[in-house]
Amino acid sequence: MTPLSVSPRWLHDHLHDENLVVVDATNHLPVPTDGPYVPESGAHTYRAEHIPGALFADLLGDFADPAAAEPWTAPDHERFAAAAGALGIGDGATVVVYDQHDGFWATRFWWHLRYEGFDQVTVLDGGLPAWKAAGFEVTDVVPEPTPRTFTGTRRPGLIRSTDEVAANLDDEGTVLVNVLDEATYRGEVDTYARRGHIPGSINLPVFTLRDPTTGALRPVEELRAEFENAGLLDTDKRVVTYCGGGIAATGVAHALALAGRDDVAIYDGSMTAWAGNPELPLVTGESPR
């Protein structure tokens, strides 16, 4: 069984395993204090340096719906399967995904692979910064992938649309989790079209799950206790996480999987879609948690 997370040392020791596929899933998202964000592909920084043998997954391009209003929107299964197979992700492969930042691009691709029915995927804890801090080499040599056939079957329970979230606002069996910073949750900044958070959602900032010095996840025991306190490990409740564009939300989903809860759904449009529709409600203020 593939672990949900591996260390730089583990990856270094297994880097030349025959069926291992290492993937850099970086995007860049400079978020201003006030005002909208502008996403950028991480292809140029990937080409400058990456883990030897790593391939690049373009989450803004190949793995997104080109017709969608919001960036990173999950494409149809056929588009995803074709892009994954072209990278060598498919039958017989084990995937290690990382990014060059805080790990949430990596967890987005981890979640997306699982959503499409592929489980042989793990996340490099701490990403490229942790790899480099461990003293392991990087390269600018871009390898050629060995294509595979991707045959996963989608798991619709791992995603929510705007309509589905809106229809279940009063559902006591669902816990809606906003993973953005506290100021954005409370409605104090203008990152999105409107300020505030979805009514009834609790606030669990995703950046609090990681060690601020190393970028690695905090011990699972600590996370489990925090999740338990927030009611997120109650299997009688469905958990749906959201953020700005469906990226950071996967960081909480991944941490919850490590704590034993692997059925968390992602609201793919998140605040970009929700705040962009003036007919949908938003509230401001503190978290009810």
Protein backbone atom coordinates (compact mmCIF):
# COMPACT_ATOMS: atom_id res chain seq x y z
CA MET A 1 0.00 0.00 0.00
CA THR A 2 1.38 3.39 -0.99
CA PRO A 3 1.89 5.75 1.98
CA LEU A 4 0.16 9.13 1.90
CA SER A 5 3.38 11.01 2.56
CA VAL A 6 7.09 10.28 2.21
CA SER A 7 10.26 11.99 3.41
CA PRO A 8 13.07 13.36 1.23
CA ARG A 9 15.27 10.50 2.44
CA TRP A 10 12.69 7.92 1.34
CA LEU A 11 12.44 9.49 -2.09
CA HIS A 12 16.23 9.72 -2.43
CA ASP A 13 16.54 6.03 -1.60
CA HIS A 14 13.81 5.04 -4.09
CA LEU A 15 14.49 7.61 -6.81
CA HIS A 16 15.60 5.03 -9.36
CA ASP A 17 12.87 2.47 -8.69
CA GLU A 18 11.67 1.15 -12.04
CA ASN A 19 8.01 2.19 -11.82
CA LEU A 20 8.40 5.36 -9.77
CA VAL A 21 7.15 8.57 -11.41
CA VAL A 22 8.16 11.83 -9.71
CA VAL A 23 6.01 14.85 -10.55
CA ASP A 24 6.51 18.57 -9.91
CA ALA A 25 3.04 20.16 -9.75
CA THR A 26 4.06 23.75 -9.01
CA ASN A 27 2.05 26.82 -9.81
CA HIS A 28 2.89 30.32 -8.58
CA LEU A 29 0.21 32.41 -6.93
CA PRO A 30 1.38 35.74 -5.57
CA VAL A 31 -1.57 36.82 -3.41
CA PRO A 32 -1.65 40.55 -2.65
CA THR A 33 -2.79 41.92 0.69
CA ASP A 34 -5.81 43.34 -1.11
CA GLY A 35 -6.94 42.61 -4.65
CA PRO A 36 -7.25 39.55 -6.88
CA TYR A 37 -4.63 36.87 -7.37
CA VAL A 38 -3.03 36.10 -10.74
CA PRO A 39 -1.97 32.44 -11.19
CA GLU A 40 1.15 31.45 -13.11
CA SER A 41 2.42 28.09 -14.35
CA GLY A 42 5.47 26.72 -12.56
CA ALA A 43 6.99 25.40 -15.80
CA HIS A 44 9.77 27.99 -15.94
CA THR A 45 10.98 27.36 -12.40
CA TYR A 46 10.65 23.62 -12.94
CA ARG A 47 12.96 23.89 -15.96
CA ALA A 48 15.46 25.86 -13.86
CA GLU A 49 15.71 23.21 -11.13
CA HIS A 50 13.88 20.08 -10.09
CA ILE A 51 14.41 16.69 -8.50
CA PRO A 52 16.34 14.45 -10.92
CA GLY A 53 13.95 12.55 -13.16
CA ALA A 54 10.93 14.63 -12.17
CA LEU A 55 8.32 15.52 -14.78
CA PHE A 56 6.11 18.60 -14.78
CA ALA A 57 2.32 18.48 -14.38
CA ASP A 58 0.66 21.62 -15.71
CA LEU A 59 -2.29 22.13 -13.36
CA LEU A 60 -3.30 25.32 -15.15
CA GLY A 61 -3.20 23.71 -18.59
CA ASP A 62 -3.24 19.98 -19.29
CA PHE A 63 -4.99 19.10 -16.02
CA ALA A 64 -7.62 21.86 -16.06
CA ASP A 65 -10.85 22.46 -17.94
CA PRO A 66 -10.00 24.99 -20.67
CA ALA A 67 -13.64 26.08 -20.94
CA ALA A 68 -14.17 26.76 -17.23
CA ALA A 69 -14.53 30.24 -15.78
CA GLU A 70 -12.21 29.47 -12.85
CA PRO A 71 -8.58 28.31 -13.13
CA TRP A 72 -7.68 24.74 -12.09
CA THR A 73 -11.24 23.47 -12.57
CA ALA A 74 -11.15 19.69 -12.91
CA PRO A 75 -11.50 18.69 -16.57
CA ASP A 76 -13.48 15.75 -17.88
CA HIS A 77 -12.05 12.35 -17.10
CA GLU A 78 -10.87 11.71 -20.64
CA ARG A 79 -8.74 14.87 -20.73
CA PHE A 80 -7.22 14.05 -17.35
CA ALA A 81 -6.52 10.43 -18.29
CA ALA A 82 -4.81 11.46 -21.53
CA ALA A 83 -2.60 14.02 -19.76
CA ALA A 84 -1.73 11.61 -16.94
CA GLY A 85 -0.91 8.78 -19.31
CA ALA A 86 1.35 11.04 -21.37
CA LEU A 87 3.36 11.74 -18.19
CA GLY A 88 3.72 8.05 -17.47
CA ILE A 89 1.05 8.00 -14.77
CA GLY A 90 -1.09 4.90 -15.06
CA ASP A 91 -1.22 1.16 -14.62
CA GLY A 92 1.81 -0.14 -12.72
CA ALA A 93 3.16 3.28 -11.71
CA THR A 94 3.70 4.76 -8.26
CA VAL A 95 3.64 8.56 -8.20
CA VAL A 96 5.47 10.90 -5.83
CA VAL A 97 4.23 14.46 -6.23
CA TYR A 98 5.85 17.60 -4.84
CA ASP A 99 5.95 21.33 -5.44
CA GLN A 100 8.36 24.20 -4.92
CA HIS A 101 6.31 26.00 -2.26
CA ASP A 102 4.09 25.03 0.67
CA GLY A 103 2.89 21.67 -0.61
CA PHE A 104 -0.67 22.55 -1.61
CA TRP A 105 -0.07 22.24 -5.34
CA ALA A 106 1.24 18.76 -4.59
CA THR A 107 -1.82 17.87 -2.51
CA ARG A 108 -4.05 19.24 -5.28
CA PHE A 109 -2.56 16.75 -7.73
CA TRP A 110 -2.68 14.01 -5.07
CA TRP A 111 -6.39 14.72 -4.59
CA HIS A 112 -7.02 14.95 -8.32
CA LEU A 113 -5.41 11.57 -8.98
CA ARG A 114 -7.51 10.00 -6.24
CA TYR A 115 -10.63 11.69 -7.60
CA GLU A 116 -9.90 10.09 -10.97
CA GLY A 117 -9.49 6.68 -9.33
CA PHE A 118 -5.70 6.39 -8.97
CA ASP A 119 -4.42 5.51 -5.47
CA GLN A 120 -0.72 4.79 -6.00
CA VAL A 121 0.23 8.37 -5.18
CA THR A 122 2.09 9.97 -2.30
CA VAL A 123 3.20 13.49 -1.40
CA LEU A 124 6.80 14.50 -0.68
CA ASP A 125 6.61 16.07 2.78
CA GLY A 126 8.11 19.55 2.67
CA GLY A 127 8.45 19.51 -1.11
CA LEU A 128 11.47 20.81 -2.99
CA PRO A 129 12.62 23.05 -0.09
CA ALA A 130 12.87 19.99 2.19
CA TRP A 131 14.66 18.01 -0.55
CA LYS A 132 17.26 20.75 -0.93
CA ALA A 133 17.57 21.25 2.83
CA ALA A 134 18.44 17.55 3.12
CA GLY A 135 21.39 18.18 0.80
CA PHE A 136 20.04 16.25 -2.18
CA GLU A 137 20.83 17.37 -5.71
CA VAL A 138 18.63 19.17 -8.20
CA THR A 139 18.98 19.38 -11.96
CA ASP A 140 17.79 21.33 -14.98
CA VAL A 141 17.75 18.25 -17.22
CA VAL A 142 14.19 17.62 -18.42
CA PRO A 143 13.55 13.89 -18.89
CA GLU A 144 11.37 12.20 -21.48
CA PRO A 145 8.33 10.47 -19.97
CA THR A 146 7.44 6.86 -20.66
CA PRO A 147 3.71 6.92 -21.48
CA ARG A 148 1.29 4.59 -19.73
CA THR A 149 -2.40 3.83 -19.94
CA PHE A 150 -4.48 5.51 -17.24
CA THR A 151 -7.59 3.47 -16.40
CA GLY A 152 -8.91 4.94 -13.16
CA THR A 153 -12.63 5.34 -12.42
CA ARG A 154 -13.87 8.62 -10.99
CA ARG A 155 -15.02 8.98 -7.39
CA PRO A 156 -17.78 11.63 -7.51
CA GLY A 157 -17.93 11.73 -3.71
CA LEU A 158 -14.58 13.56 -3.57
CA ILE A 159 -15.80 16.75 -5.28
CA ARG A 160 -18.57 19.30 -4.84
CA SER A 161 -19.93 21.87 -7.28
CA THR A 162 -21.26 25.31 -6.40
CA ASP A 163 -24.84 24.08 -6.85
CA GLU A 164 -24.24 21.13 -4.53
CA VAL A 165 -22.72 23.31 -1.81
CA ALA A 166 -25.56 25.84 -2.12
CA ALA A 167 -28.19 23.11 -1.90
CA ASN A 168 -26.74 21.74 1.34
CA LEU A 169 -26.09 24.90 3.37
CA ASP A 170 -28.61 23.79 6.01
CA ASP A 171 -27.50 20.15 6.05
CA GLU A 172 -26.50 19.31 9.62
CA GLY A 173 -24.76 16.20 8.33
CA THR A 174 -22.15 18.25 6.46
CA VAL A 175 -19.24 20.20 7.95
CA LEU A 176 -18.04 22.89 5.53
CA VAL A 177 -14.46 23.96 6.23
CA ASN A 178 -12.90 27.23 5.02
CA VAL A 179 -9.12 26.74 5.04
CA LEU A 180 -8.12 30.35 4.28
CA ASP A 181 -6.39 32.70 6.71
CA GLU A 182 -8.46 34.21 9.51
CA ALA A 183 -8.57 37.76 8.09
CA THR A 184 -9.90 36.55 4.74
CA TYR A 185 -12.42 34.28 6.46
CA ARG A 186 -13.66 37.14 8.65
CA GLY A 187 -14.10 39.37 5.59
CA GLU A 188 -11.36 41.90 6.23
CA VAL A 189 -9.61 41.80 2.81
CA ASP A 190 -10.64 42.00 -0.84
CA THR A 191 -8.92 38.97 -2.33
CA TYR A 192 -12.16 37.76 -3.92
CA ALA A 193 -15.11 39.44 -5.60
CA ARG A 194 -16.88 39.79 -2.26
CA ARG A 195 -15.71 39.55 1.33
CA GLY A 196 -16.61 36.90 3.88
CA HIS A 197 -17.21 33.16 4.04
CA ILE A 198 -19.96 30.69 3.17
CA PRO A 199 -22.61 30.65 5.92
CA GLY A 200 -22.12 27.90 8.48
CA SER A 201 -18.56 27.10 7.47
CA ILE A 202 -15.87 26.84 10.13
CA ASN A 203 -12.35 28.22 9.76
CA LEU A 204 -9.29 25.96 9.86
CA PRO A 205 -6.36 27.82 8.24
CA VAL A 206 -4.35 25.32 6.23
CA PHE A 207 -0.99 26.96 6.96
CA THR A 208 -1.36 26.08 10.65
CA LEU A 209 -0.97 22.38 9.76
CA ARG A 210 2.70 22.78 8.85
CA ASP A 211 5.85 23.53 10.81
CA PRO A 212 6.65 27.16 9.90
CA THR A 213 10.40 26.46 9.93
CA THR A 214 10.64 23.25 7.91
CA GLY A 215 7.42 23.35 5.89
CA ALA A 216 6.76 19.74 6.88
CA LEU A 217 3.44 18.65 8.30
CA ARG A 218 3.09 18.72 12.06
CA PRO A 219 2.99 15.31 13.78
CA VAL A 220 -0.11 13.35 12.83
CA GLU A 221 -1.04 12.93 16.50
CA GLU A 222 -1.26 16.72 16.89
CA LEU A 223 -3.29 17.08 13.74
CA ARG A 224 -5.63 14.28 14.73
CA ALA A 225 -6.34 15.96 18.06
CA GLU A 226 -7.08 19.27 16.33
CA PHE A 227 -9.35 17.62 13.80
CA GLU A 228 -11.14 15.72 16.54
CA ASN A 229 -11.73 18.96 18.42
CA ALA A 230 -13.23 20.50 15.27
CA GLY A 231 -15.56 17.54 14.77
CA LEU A 232 -13.92 16.54 11.50
CA LEU A 233 -13.26 12.92 12.42
CA ASP A 234 -16.92 12.19 13.14
CA THR A 235 -17.72 9.72 10.37
CA ASP A 236 -21.44 10.48 10.74
CA LYS A 237 -20.64 13.88 9.21
CA ARG A 238 -19.55 14.60 5.65
CA VAL A 239 -16.59 16.99 5.38
CA VAL A 240 -16.22 19.45 2.49
CA THR A 241 -13.24 21.81 2.36
CA TYR A 242 -12.90 25.00 0.35
CA CYS A 243 -10.42 27.83 -0.14
CA GLY A 244 -9.91 30.34 -2.93
CA GLY A 245 -9.67 28.09 -5.97
CA GLY A 246 -9.73 24.47 -4.77
CA ILE A 247 -5.98 24.21 -4.10
CA ALA A 248 -5.26 24.85 -0.41
CA ALA A 249 -8.46 22.97 0.45
CA THR A 250 -6.68 19.79 -0.65
CA GLY A 251 -3.96 20.40 1.97
CA VAL A 252 -6.51 19.91 4.73
CA ALA A 253 -8.01 16.93 2.89
CA HIS A 254 -4.56 15.31 2.70
CA ALA A 255 -3.86 15.96 6.39
CA LEU A 256 -7.26 14.52 7.28
CA ALA A 257 -6.41 11.42 5.22
CA LEU A 258 -3.23 11.03 7.26
CA ALA A 259 -5.40 11.25 10.37
CA GLY A 260 -7.64 8.47 9.04
CA ARG A 261 -10.32 10.40 7.14
CA ASP A 262 -9.84 9.79 3.40
CA ASP A 263 -13.36 10.66 2.17
CA VAL A 264 -13.13 14.47 2.32
CA ALA A 265 -14.67 16.31 -0.64
CA ILE A 266 -13.26 19.46 -2.25
CA TYR A 267 -15.45 22.36 -3.35
CA ASP A 268 -13.65 22.87 -6.63
CA GLY A 269 -14.81 26.42 -7.41
CA SER A 270 -14.35 27.60 -3.82
CA MET A 271 -14.43 31.34 -3.07
CA THR A 272 -13.57 32.34 -6.64
CA ALA A 273 -16.82 30.83 -7.89
CA TRP A 274 -18.95 31.49 -4.80
CA ALA A 275 -18.03 35.15 -4.26
CA GLY A 276 -18.30 35.75 -7.99
CA ASN A 277 -22.03 35.00 -7.89
CA PRO A 278 -23.82 37.89 -6.12
CA GLU A 279 -26.90 35.74 -5.57
CA LEU A 280 -25.04 33.41 -3.18
CA PRO A 281 -24.85 34.36 0.51
CA LEU A 282 -21.67 35.38 2.32
CA VAL A 283 -21.25 36.32 5.97
CA THR A 284 -18.44 37.99 7.90
CA GLY A 285 -17.12 37.59 11.42
CA GLU A 286 -15.53 34.92 13.58
CA SER A 287 -15.67 31.19 13.06
CA PRO A 288 -18.36 29.35 15.00
CA ARG A 289 -15.76 26.69 15.88
